[in-house]
PDB file of N, CA and C in Angstrom:
ATOM      1  N   GLY A   1     -49.901 -56.726 -61.055  1.00  0.00           N
ATOM      2  CA  GLY A   1     -50.839 -56.699 -62.056  1.00  0.00           C
ATOM      3  C   GLY A   1     -50.134 -57.445 -63.172  1.00  0.00           C
ATOM      4  N   PRO A   2     -50.754 -57.416 -64.365  1.00  0.00           N
ATOM      5  CA  PRO A   2     -50.203 -58.190 -65.298  1.00  0.00           C
ATOM      6  C   PRO A   2     -48.516 -58.270 -65.754  1.00  0.00           C
ATOM      7  N   PHE A   3     -48.211 -56.800 -65.519  1.00  0.00           N
ATOM      8  CA  PHE A   3     -46.987 -56.834 -65.573  1.00  0.00           C
ATOM      9  C   PHE A   3     -46.001 -57.559 -64.891  1.00  0.00           C
ATOM     10  N   VAL A   4     -46.154 -57.848 -63.423  1.00  0.00           N
ATOM     11  CA  VAL A   4     -45.830 -58.905 -62.972  1.00  0.00           C
ATOM     12  C   VAL A   4     -45.382 -60.271 -62.877  1.00  0.00           C
ATOM     13  N   VAL A   5     -46.921 -60.386 -63.255  1.00  0.00           N
ATOM     14  CA  VAL A   5     -47.364 -62.106 -64.024  1.00  0.00           C
ATOM     15  C   VAL A   5     -46.106 -62.213 -65.040  1.00  0.00           C
ATOM     16  N   ALA A   6     -46.485 -61.787 -66.025  1.00  0.00           N
ATOM     17  CA  ALA A   6     -45.214 -61.723 -66.850  1.00  0.00           C
ATOM     18  C   ALA A   6     -43.765 -61.897 -66.444  1.00  0.00           C
ATOM     19  N   LEU A   7     -43.317 -61.117 -65.577  1.00  0.00           N
ATOM     20  CA  LEU A   7     -41.907 -60.683 -65.028  1.00  0.00           C
ATOM     21  C   LEU A   7     -41.752 -62.454 -64.460  1.00  0.00           C
ATOM     22  N   GLU A   8     -42.398 -62.784 -63.697  1.00  0.00           N
ATOM     23  CA  GLU A   8     -42.600 -64.144 -63.102  1.00  0.00           C
ATOM     24  C   GLU A   8     -42.498 -64.778 -63.912  1.00  0.00           C
ATOM     25  N   TYR A   9     -43.493 -65.070 -64.964  1.00  0.00           N
ATOM     26  CA  TYR A   9     -43.245 -66.245 -65.915  1.00  0.00           C
ATOM     27  C   TYR A   9     -41.865 -66.357 -66.959  1.00  0.00           C
ATOM     28  N   ALA A  10     -41.524 -64.936 -66.951  1.00  0.00           N
ATOM     29  CA  ALA A  10     -40.432 -64.738 -67.811  1.00  0.00           C
ATOM     30  C   ALA A  10     -39.393 -65.284 -67.173  1.00  0.00           C
ATOM     31  N   THR A  11     -39.182 -65.341 -66.117  1.00  0.00           N
ATOM     32  CA  THR A  11     -38.050 -65.445 -65.064  1.00  0.00           C
ATOM     33  C   THR A  11     -37.998 -66.473 -64.308  1.00  0.00           C
ATOM     34  N   SER A  12     -39.285 -67.351 -64.296  1.00  0.00           N
ATOM     35  CA  SER A  12     -39.433 -68.628 -63.400  1.00  0.00           C
ATOM     36  C   SER A  12     -39.267 -67.817 -61.757  1.00  0.00           C
ATOM     37  N   GLN A  13     -39.578 -66.798 -61.169  1.00  0.00           N
ATOM     38  CA  GLN A  13     -39.398 -66.580 -60.126  1.00  0.00           C
ATOM     39  C   GLN A  13     -41.013 -65.731 -59.328  1.00  0.00           C
ATOM     40  N   ASN A  14     -40.875 -65.517 -58.088  1.00  0.00           N
ATOM     41  CA  ASN A  14     -41.838 -64.686 -57.590  1.00  0.00           C
ATOM     42  C   ASN A  14     -41.651 -63.711 -57.241  1.00  0.00           C
ATOM     43  N   ALA A  15     -42.354 -62.689 -57.632  1.00  0.00           N
ATOM     44  CA  ALA A  15     -41.875 -61.096 -57.197  1.00  0.00           C
ATOM     45  C   ALA A  15     -41.583 -61.023 -55.997  1.00  0.00           C
ATOM     46  N   LEU A  16     -41.024 -59.840 -55.609  1.00  0.00           N
ATOM     47  CA  LEU A  16     -41.237 -59.161 -53.998  1.00  0.00           C
ATOM     48  C   LEU A  16     -41.630 -57.607 -54.616  1.00  0.00           C
ATOM     49  N   VAL A  17     -42.642 -57.342 -54.087  1.00  0.00           N
ATOM     50  CA  VAL A  17     -43.233 -56.199 -54.705  1.00  0.00           C
ATOM     51  C   VAL A  17     -42.311 -55.213 -53.266  1.00  0.00           C
ATOM     52  N   MET A  18     -41.684 -54.326 -53.541  1.00  0.00           N
ATOM     53  CA  MET A  18     -40.967 -53.343 -53.107  1.00  0.00           C
ATOM     54  C   MET A  18     -40.987 -51.620 -53.162  1.00  0.00           C
ATOM     55  N   GLY A  19     -42.300 -51.676 -53.177  1.00  0.00           N
ATOM     56  CA  GLY A  19     -43.137 -50.111 -53.019  1.00  0.00           C
ATOM     57  C   GLY A  19     -44.369 -49.845 -52.194  1.00  0.00           C
ATOM     58  N   LYS A  20     -44.752 -48.803 -51.891  1.00  0.00           N
ATOM     59  CA  LYS A  20     -45.874 -48.617 -51.250  1.00  0.00           C
ATOM     60  C   LYS A  20     -46.910 -49.118 -51.647  1.00  0.00           C
ATOM     61  N   PRO A  21     -47.707 -49.692 -50.692  1.00  0.00           N
ATOM     62  CA  PRO A  21     -47.740 -49.811 -48.997  1.00  0.00           C
ATOM     63  C   PRO A  21     -46.695 -51.110 -48.617  1.00  0.00           C
ATOM     64  N   SER A  22     -45.868 -51.680 -49.382  1.00  0.00           N
ATOM     65  CA  SER A  22     -45.991 -53.084 -48.645  1.00  0.00           C
ATOM     66  C   SER A  22     -44.962 -53.506 -47.383  1.00  0.00           C
ATOM     67  N   GLN A  23     -45.426 -53.691 -46.515  1.00  0.00           N
ATOM     68  CA  GLN A  23     -43.947 -53.923 -45.269  1.00  0.00           C
ATOM     69  C   GLN A  23     -42.683 -53.847 -45.583  1.00  0.00           C
ATOM     70  N   PRO A  24     -42.084 -54.776 -46.438  1.00  0.00           N
ATOM     71  CA  PRO A  24     -40.744 -54.638 -46.401  1.00  0.00           C
ATOM     72  C   PRO A  24     -40.725 -53.157 -46.708  1.00  0.00           C
ATOM     73  N   TYR A  25     -41.359 -52.569 -47.815  1.00  0.00           N
ATOM     74  CA  TYR A  25     -40.361 -51.410 -48.068  1.00  0.00           C
ATOM     75  C   TYR A  25     -40.891 -50.394 -47.025  1.00  0.00           C
ATOM     76  N   MET A  26     -41.801 -50.481 -46.271  1.00  0.00           N
ATOM     77  CA  MET A  26     -41.843 -49.344 -44.872  1.00  0.00           C
ATOM     78  C   MET A  26     -40.901 -49.698 -44.197  1.00  0.00           C
ATOM     79  N   GLN A  27     -40.559 -51.002 -43.651  1.00  0.00           N
ATOM     80  CA  GLN A  27     -39.571 -51.163 -42.946  1.00  0.00           C
ATOM     81  C   GLN A  27     -38.044 -50.857 -43.465  1.00  0.00           C
ATOM     82  N   MET A  28     -38.091 -50.954 -44.781  1.00  0.00           N
ATOM     83  CA  MET A  28     -36.529 -50.582 -45.548  1.00  0.00           C
ATOM     84  C   MET A  28     -36.266 -49.035 -44.963  1.00  0.00           C
ATOM     85  N   VAL A  29     -37.307 -48.158 -45.328  1.00  0.00           N
ATOM     86  CA  VAL A  29     -37.396 -46.697 -44.589  1.00  0.00           C
ATOM     87  C   VAL A  29     -37.309 -46.690 -43.123  1.00  0.00           C
ATOM     88  N   LEU A  30     -37.924 -46.828 -42.694  1.00  0.00           N
ATOM     89  CA  LEU A  30     -37.735 -47.304 -40.972  1.00  0.00           C
ATOM     90  C   LEU A  30     -36.247 -47.505 -40.582  1.00  0.00           C
ATOM     91  N   ASN A  31     -35.285 -48.404 -41.440  1.00  0.00           N
ATOM     92  CA  ASN A  31     -34.303 -48.532 -41.012  1.00  0.00           C
ATOM     93  C   ASN A  31     -33.331 -47.741 -41.367  1.00  0.00           C
ATOM     94  N   ASP A  32     -33.476 -47.333 -42.560  1.00  0.00           N
ATOM     95  CA  ASP A  32     -32.534 -46.203 -42.888  1.00  0.00           C
ATOM     96  C   ASP A  32     -32.816 -45.174 -42.078  1.00  0.00           C
ATOM     97  N   LEU A  33     -34.021 -44.315 -41.374  1.00  0.00           N
ATOM     98  CA  LEU A  33     -33.763 -43.314 -40.791  1.00  0.00           C
ATOM     99  C   LEU A  33     -33.533 -43.739 -39.694  1.00  0.00           C
ATOM    100  N   ASN A  34     -33.358 -44.694 -39.083  1.00  0.00           N
ATOM    101  CA  ASN A  34     -32.893 -45.259 -37.573  1.00  0.00           C
ATOM    102  C   ASN A  34     -33.776 -44.683 -36.328  1.00  0.00           C
ATOM    103  N   LEU A  35     -34.985 -44.459 -36.786  1.00  0.00           N
ATOM    104  CA  LEU A  35     -36.096 -44.082 -35.592  1.00  0.00           C
ATOM    105  C   LEU A  35     -36.712 -44.426 -34.824  1.00  0.00           C
ATOM    106  N   PRO A  36     -37.496 -44.429 -34.283  1.00  0.00           N
ATOM    107  CA  PRO A  36     -38.779 -45.350 -33.506  1.00  0.00           C
ATOM    108  C   PRO A  36     -39.790 -45.114 -34.346  1.00  0.00           C
ATOM    109  N   ARG A  37     -40.600 -46.251 -35.220  1.00  0.00           N
ATOM    110  CA  ARG A  37     -41.537 -46.216 -35.986  1.00  0.00           C
ATOM    111  C   ARG A  37     -42.703 -44.943 -35.417  1.00  0.00           C
ATOM    112  N   HIS A  38     -43.265 -44.788 -34.303  1.00  0.00           N
ATOM    113  CA  HIS A  38     -43.982 -44.216 -33.579  1.00  0.00           C
ATOM    114  C   HIS A  38     -43.308 -42.491 -33.731  1.00  0.00           C
ATOM    115  N   ARG A  39     -42.150 -42.212 -33.914  1.00  0.00           N
ATOM    116  CA  ARG A  39     -42.024 -40.800 -34.031  1.00  0.00           C
ATOM    117  C   ARG A  39     -41.962 -40.605 -35.693  1.00  0.00           C
ATOM    118  N   VAL A  40     -42.261 -41.466 -36.464  1.00  0.00           N
ATOM    119  CA  VAL A  40     -42.056 -41.269 -38.024  1.00  0.00           C
ATOM    120  C   VAL A  40     -43.709 -41.170 -38.498  1.00  0.00           C
ATOM    121  N   ALA A  41     -43.684 -40.001 -39.468  1.00  0.00           N
ATOM    122  CA  ALA A  41     -44.764 -39.892 -40.521  1.00  0.00           C
ATOM    123  C   ALA A  41     -44.819 -40.107 -41.588  1.00  0.00           C
ATOM    124  N   LEU A  42     -45.586 -40.666 -42.546  1.00  0.00           N
ATOM    125  CA  LEU A  42     -45.753 -40.704 -44.177  1.00  0.00           C
ATOM    126  C   LEU A  42     -46.659 -39.495 -44.233  1.00  0.00           C
ATOM    127  N   ILE A  43     -46.202 -38.693 -45.440  1.00  0.00           N
ATOM    128  CA  ILE A  43     -47.365 -37.824 -45.689  1.00  0.00           C
ATOM    129  C   ILE A  43     -47.242 -37.943 -46.835  1.00  0.00           C
ATOM    130  N   GLY A  44     -49.045 -38.052 -47.373  1.00  0.00           N
ATOM    131  CA  GLY A  44     -49.216 -38.281 -48.828  1.00  0.00           C
ATOM    132  C   GLY A  44     -50.746 -37.765 -48.971  1.00  0.00           C
ATOM    133  N   ASP A  45     -51.081 -38.022 -50.517  1.00  0.00           N
ATOM    134  CA  ASP A  45     -52.406 -37.806 -50.856  1.00  0.00           C
ATOM    135  C   ASP A  45     -53.034 -39.051 -50.880  1.00  0.00           C
ATOM    136  N   ASP A  46     -52.658 -40.070 -50.813  1.00  0.00           N
ATOM    137  CA  ASP A  46     -53.282 -41.667 -51.104  1.00  0.00           C
ATOM    138  C   ASP A  46     -53.736 -42.082 -49.693  1.00  0.00           C
ATOM    139  N   ILE A  47     -54.807 -42.256 -49.624  1.00  0.00           N
ATOM    140  CA  ILE A  47     -55.481 -42.731 -48.268  1.00  0.00           C
ATOM    141  C   ILE A  47     -55.002 -44.231 -48.411  1.00  0.00           C
ATOM    142  N   GLU A  48     -55.222 -45.105 -49.520  1.00  0.00           N
ATOM    143  CA  GLU A  48     -54.894 -46.427 -49.512  1.00  0.00           C
ATOM    144  C   GLU A  48     -53.216 -47.099 -48.956  1.00  0.00           C
ATOM    145  N   THR A  49     -52.727 -46.009 -49.922  1.00  0.00           N
ATOM    146  CA  THR A  49     -51.033 -46.183 -49.952  1.00  0.00           C
ATOM    147  C   THR A  49     -50.030 -45.690 -48.841  1.00  0.00           C
ATOM    148  N   ASP A  50     -50.348 -44.226 -48.942  1.00  0.00           N
ATOM    149  CA  ASP A  50     -49.688 -43.649 -47.922  1.00  0.00           C
ATOM    150  C   ASP A  50     -49.924 -43.715 -46.661  1.00  0.00           C
ATOM    151  N   VAL A  51     -51.446 -43.168 -46.550  1.00  0.00           N
ATOM    152  CA  VAL A  51     -52.031 -43.478 -44.955  1.00  0.00           C
ATOM    153  C   VAL A  51     -52.061 -44.805 -44.483  1.00  0.00           C
ATOM    154  N   ARG A  52     -52.972 -45.741 -44.961  1.00  0.00           N
ATOM    155  CA  ARG A  52     -52.790 -47.023 -44.508  1.00  0.00           C
ATOM    156  C   ARG A  52     -51.540 -47.881 -44.374  1.00  0.00           C
ATOM    157  N   GLY A  53     -50.753 -47.471 -45.639  1.00  0.00           N
ATOM    158  CA  GLY A  53     -49.454 -48.590 -45.701  1.00  0.00           C
ATOM    159  C   GLY A  53     -48.244 -47.965 -44.427  1.00  0.00           C
ATOM    160  N   ALA A  54     -48.337 -46.676 -43.924  1.00  0.00           N
ATOM    161  CA  ALA A  54     -47.870 -46.286 -42.492  1.00  0.00           C
ATOM    162  C   ALA A  54     -48.406 -47.029 -41.383  1.00  0.00           C
ATOM    163  N   GLN A  55     -49.599 -46.397 -41.104  1.00  0.00           N
ATOM    164  CA  GLN A  55     -50.246 -47.136 -40.058  1.00  0.00           C
ATOM    165  C   GLN A  55     -49.907 -48.721 -39.969  1.00  0.00           C
ATOM    166  N   GLN A  56     -49.959 -49.309 -40.876  1.00  0.00           N
ATOM    167  CA  GLN A  56     -49.467 -50.718 -41.046  1.00  0.00           C
ATOM    168  C   GLN A  56     -48.563 -50.995 -39.832  1.00  0.00           C
ATOM    169  N   VAL A  57     -47.501 -50.386 -40.281  1.00  0.00           N
ATOM    170  CA  VAL A  57     -46.002 -50.505 -39.890  1.00  0.00           C
ATOM    171  C   VAL A  57     -45.860 -49.924 -38.499  1.00  0.00           C
ATOM    172  N   GLY A  58     -46.719 -49.091 -38.051  1.00  0.00           N
ATOM    173  CA  GLY A  58     -46.832 -48.263 -36.780  1.00  0.00           C
ATOM    174  C   GLY A  58     -46.483 -46.961 -36.718  1.00  0.00           C
ATOM    175  N   MET A  59     -46.253 -46.230 -38.484  1.00  0.00           N
ATOM    176  CA  MET A  59     -45.906 -44.837 -38.401  1.00  0.00           C
ATOM    177  C   MET A  59     -47.036 -44.155 -37.958  1.00  0.00           C
ATOM    178  N   LYS A  60     -46.818 -43.111 -37.945  1.00  0.00           N
ATOM    179  CA  LYS A  60     -48.304 -42.019 -38.551  1.00  0.00           C
ATOM    180  C   LYS A  60     -48.743 -41.928 -40.091  1.00  0.00           C
ATOM    181  N   GLY A  61     -49.816 -41.443 -40.066  1.00  0.00           N
ATOM    182  CA  GLY A  61     -49.904 -41.327 -41.361  1.00  0.00           C
ATOM    183  C   GLY A  61     -51.150 -39.871 -42.139  1.00  0.00           C
ATOM    184  N   TRP A  62     -49.968 -39.363 -42.473  1.00  0.00           N
ATOM    185  CA  TRP A  62     -50.524 -37.959 -42.524  1.00  0.00           C
ATOM    186  C   TRP A  62     -51.201 -37.858 -44.298  1.00  0.00           C
ATOM    187  N   LEU A  63     -52.621 -36.887 -44.278  1.00  0.00           N
ATOM    188  CA  LEU A  63     -52.840 -37.170 -45.242  1.00  0.00           C
ATOM    189  C   LEU A  63     -53.149 -35.499 -45.804  1.00  0.00           C
ATOM    190  N   VAL A  64     -52.751 -35.519 -46.837  1.00  0.00           N
ATOM    191  CA  VAL A  64     -52.346 -33.718 -47.680  1.00  0.00           C
ATOM    192  C   VAL A  64     -54.086 -34.497 -48.751  1.00  0.00           C
ATOM    193  N   LYS A  65     -54.736 -33.130 -48.830  1.00  0.00           N
ATOM    194  CA  LYS A  65     -55.810 -33.361 -49.484  1.00  0.00           C
ATOM    195  C   LYS A  65     -55.566 -32.537 -50.749  1.00  0.00           C
ATOM    196  N   THR A  66     -54.627 -33.210 -51.776  1.00  0.00           N
ATOM    197  CA  THR A  66     -54.335 -32.485 -52.892  1.00  0.00           C
ATOM    198  C   THR A  66     -54.125 -33.847 -53.709  1.00  0.00           C
ATOM    199  N   GLY A  67     -53.498 -33.656 -55.074  1.00  0.00           N
ATOM    200  CA  GLY A  67     -53.065 -34.544 -56.485  1.00  0.00           C
ATOM    201  C   GLY A  67     -54.441 -35.565 -56.178  1.00  0.00           C
ATOM    202  N   ARG A  68     -53.899 -36.811 -55.586  1.00  0.00           N
ATOM    203  CA  ARG A  68     -55.069 -38.195 -55.781  1.00  0.00           C
ATOM    204  C   ARG A  68     -56.141 -38.066 -54.960  1.00  0.00           C
ATOM    205  N   PHE A  69     -56.227 -37.251 -53.638  1.00  0.00           N
ATOM    206  CA  PHE A  69     -57.010 -37.075 -52.621  1.00  0.00           C
ATOM    207  C   PHE A  69     -58.665 -36.695 -53.368  1.00  0.00           C
ATOM    208  N   ARG A  70     -59.295 -37.974 -52.768  1.00  0.00           N
ATOM    209  CA  ARG A  70     -60.649 -37.346 -53.414  1.00  0.00           C
ATOM    210  C   ARG A  70     -61.629 -37.001 -51.790  1.00  0.00           C
ATOM    211  N   LYS A  71     -62.871 -36.553 -52.071  1.00  0.00           N
ATOM    212  CA  LYS A  71     -63.532 -36.568 -50.598  1.00  0.00           C
ATOM    213  C   LYS A  71     -63.891 -38.227 -49.919  1.00  0.00           C
ATOM    214  N   GLU A  72     -64.614 -38.462 -50.899  1.00  0.00           N
ATOM    215  CA  GLU A  72     -65.081 -39.794 -50.281  1.00  0.00           C
ATOM    216  C   GLU A  72     -63.966 -41.179 -50.035  1.00  0.00           C
ATOM    217  N   ASP A  73     -62.647 -40.642 -50.135  1.00  0.00           N
ATOM    218  CA  ASP A  73     -61.703 -41.112 -49.747  1.00  0.00           C
ATOM    219  C   ASP A  73     -61.724 -41.530 -48.212  1.00  0.00           C
ATOM    220  N   LEU A  74     -62.413 -40.582 -47.335  1.00  0.00           N
ATOM    221  CA  LEU A  74     -62.444 -40.346 -46.028  1.00  0.00           C
ATOM    222  C   LEU A  74     -63.686 -41.188 -45.821  1.00  0.00           C
ATOM    223  N   GLY A  75     -64.451 -41.691 -46.344  1.00  0.00           N
ATOM    224  CA  GLY A  75     -65.308 -43.080 -45.798  1.00  0.00           C
ATOM    225  C   GLY A  75     -64.705 -44.275 -46.205  1.00  0.00           C
ATOM    226  N   ARG A  76     -63.668 -44.494 -45.955  1.00  0.00           N
ATOM    227  CA  ARG A  76     -63.385 -46.006 -46.420  1.00  0.00           C
ATOM    228  C   ARG A  76     -62.751 -46.652 -45.357  1.00  0.00           C
ATOM    229  N   GLY A  77     -62.875 -45.977 -43.981  1.00  0.00           N
ATOM    230  CA  GLY A  77     -62.476 -47.077 -43.029  1.00  0.00           C
ATOM    231  C   GLY A  77     -60.940 -46.436 -42.563  1.00  0.00           C
ATOM    232  N   ILE A  78     -60.183 -45.833 -43.372  1.00  0.00           N
ATOM    233  CA  ILE A  78     -58.786 -45.569 -43.000  1.00  0.00           C
ATOM    234  C   ILE A  78     -58.805 -43.868 -42.269  1.00  0.00           C
ATOM    235  N   TRP A  79     -58.447 -44.179 -41.352  1.00  0.00           N
ATOM    236  CA  TRP A  79     -58.373 -42.793 -40.966  1.00  0.00           C
ATOM    237  C   TRP A  79     -57.114 -42.147 -40.252  1.00  0.00           C
ATOM    238  N   PRO A  80     -56.531 -41.032 -41.160  1.00  0.00           N
ATOM    239  CA  PRO A  80     -55.236 -40.203 -40.956  1.00  0.00           C
ATOM    240  C   PRO A  80     -55.396 -39.832 -39.532  1.00  0.00           C
ATOM    241  N   ASP A  81     -53.864 -39.839 -39.064  1.00  0.00           N
ATOM    242  CA  ASP A  81     -53.528 -39.131 -37.971  1.00  0.00           C
ATOM    243  C   ASP A  81     -54.094 -37.506 -37.722  1.00  0.00           C
ATOM    244  N   ARG A  82     -53.504 -37.092 -39.346  1.00  0.00           N
ATOM    245  CA  ARG A  82     -53.881 -35.622 -39.167  1.00  0.00           C
ATOM    246  C   ARG A  82     -53.802 -35.579 -40.768  1.00  0.00           C
ATOM    247  N   ILE A  83     -54.798 -34.636 -41.045  1.00  0.00           N
ATOM    248  CA  ILE A  83     -55.200 -33.825 -42.579  1.00  0.00           C
ATOM    249  C   ILE A  83     -54.683 -32.768 -42.441  1.00  0.00           C
ATOM    250  N   PHE A  84     -54.199 -32.168 -43.818  1.00  0.00           N
ATOM    251  CA  PHE A  84     -54.109 -30.951 -44.182  1.00  0.00           C
ATOM    252  C   PHE A  84     -54.609 -30.623 -45.522  1.00  0.00           C
ATOM    253  N   GLY A  85     -55.214 -29.688 -45.693  1.00  0.00           N
ATOM    254  CA  GLY A  85     -55.618 -28.750 -46.931  1.00  0.00           C
ATOM    255  C   GLY A  85     -54.386 -28.771 -48.313  1.00  0.00           C
ATOM    256  N   SER A  86     -53.347 -28.698 -47.331  1.00  0.00           N
ATOM    257  CA  SER A  86     -52.324 -28.135 -48.762  1.00  0.00           C
ATOM    258  C   SER A  86     -51.040 -28.627 -47.850  1.00  0.00           C
ATOM    259  N   ILE A  87     -50.225 -28.613 -49.035  1.00  0.00           N
ATOM    260  CA  ILE A  87     -48.682 -28.756 -48.317  1.00  0.00           C
ATOM    261  C   ILE A  87     -48.056 -27.074 -47.295  1.00  0.00           C
ATOM    262  N   ALA A  88     -48.867 -26.154 -47.848  1.00  0.00           N
ATOM    263  CA  ALA A  88     -48.638 -24.652 -47.422  1.00  0.00           C
ATOM    264  C   ALA A  88     -48.947 -24.730 -45.587  1.00  0.00           C
ATOM    265  N   ASP A  89     -50.076 -25.789 -45.952  1.00  0.00           N
ATOM    266  CA  ASP A  89     -51.199 -26.027 -44.514  1.00  0.00           C
ATOM    267  C   ASP A  89     -50.062 -26.577 -43.469  1.00  0.00           C
ATOM    268  N   LEU A  90     -49.655 -28.063 -44.074  1.00  0.00           N
ATOM    269  CA  LEU A  90     -48.814 -28.781 -43.351  1.00  0.00           C
ATOM    270  C   LEU A  90     -47.779 -28.559 -42.746  1.00  0.00           C
ATOM    271  N   LEU A  91     -46.710 -27.210 -43.367  1.00  0.00           N
ATOM    272  CA  LEU A  91     -45.932 -26.498 -43.076  1.00  0.00           C
ATOM    273  C   LEU A  91     -46.259 -25.595 -41.906  1.00  0.00           C
ATOM    274  N   GLU A  92     -47.472 -25.523 -41.637  1.00  0.00           N
ATOM    275  CA  GLU A  92     -47.806 -23.749 -40.882  1.00  0.00           C
ATOM    276  C   GLU A  92     -48.436 -24.946 -39.695  1.00  0.00           C
ATOM    277  N   GLY A  93     -48.785 -26.239 -40.125  1.00  0.00           N
ATOM    278  CA  GLY A  93     -49.437 -26.835 -38.651  1.00  0.00           C
ATOM    279  C   GLY A  93     -48.411 -27.732 -37.880  1.00  0.00           C
ATOM    280  N   ILE A  94     -46.942 -28.027 -38.622  1.00  0.00           N
ATOM    281  CA  ILE A  94     -45.977 -28.713 -37.833  1.00  0.00           C
ATOM    282  C   ILE A  94     -44.882 -28.271 -36.830  1.00  0.00           C
TER     283      ILE A  94
END
C-alpha cells in the first residue's frame, strides 16, 4: 500500500513483503518447523491470506468461521481443506 511505497521512496530500496500470504514468509515457517509441507496446516479465519497462502506453498489451509470470516468468502474459488465453526470445533475435530 501507500506506506510501503513511501518507505521504498525514502530508502531508495524495493520492499520485500514478509507476511501472510507471501511465499517467502510461508517457506520460512516451513523451514523453521522442519516438516514436510503436506503435513502442515495453517489455521485461520481469512480465506485469502490464511487458506490460499497456505495452499500456494503446498500446506493445508484450514478455515475457522470466526473473526474475519464471512459466508460469502466460500464462493470465491478458494476451497479450504477443512472448515470448522469455531476453535472449539477444531480441537474436537483433530
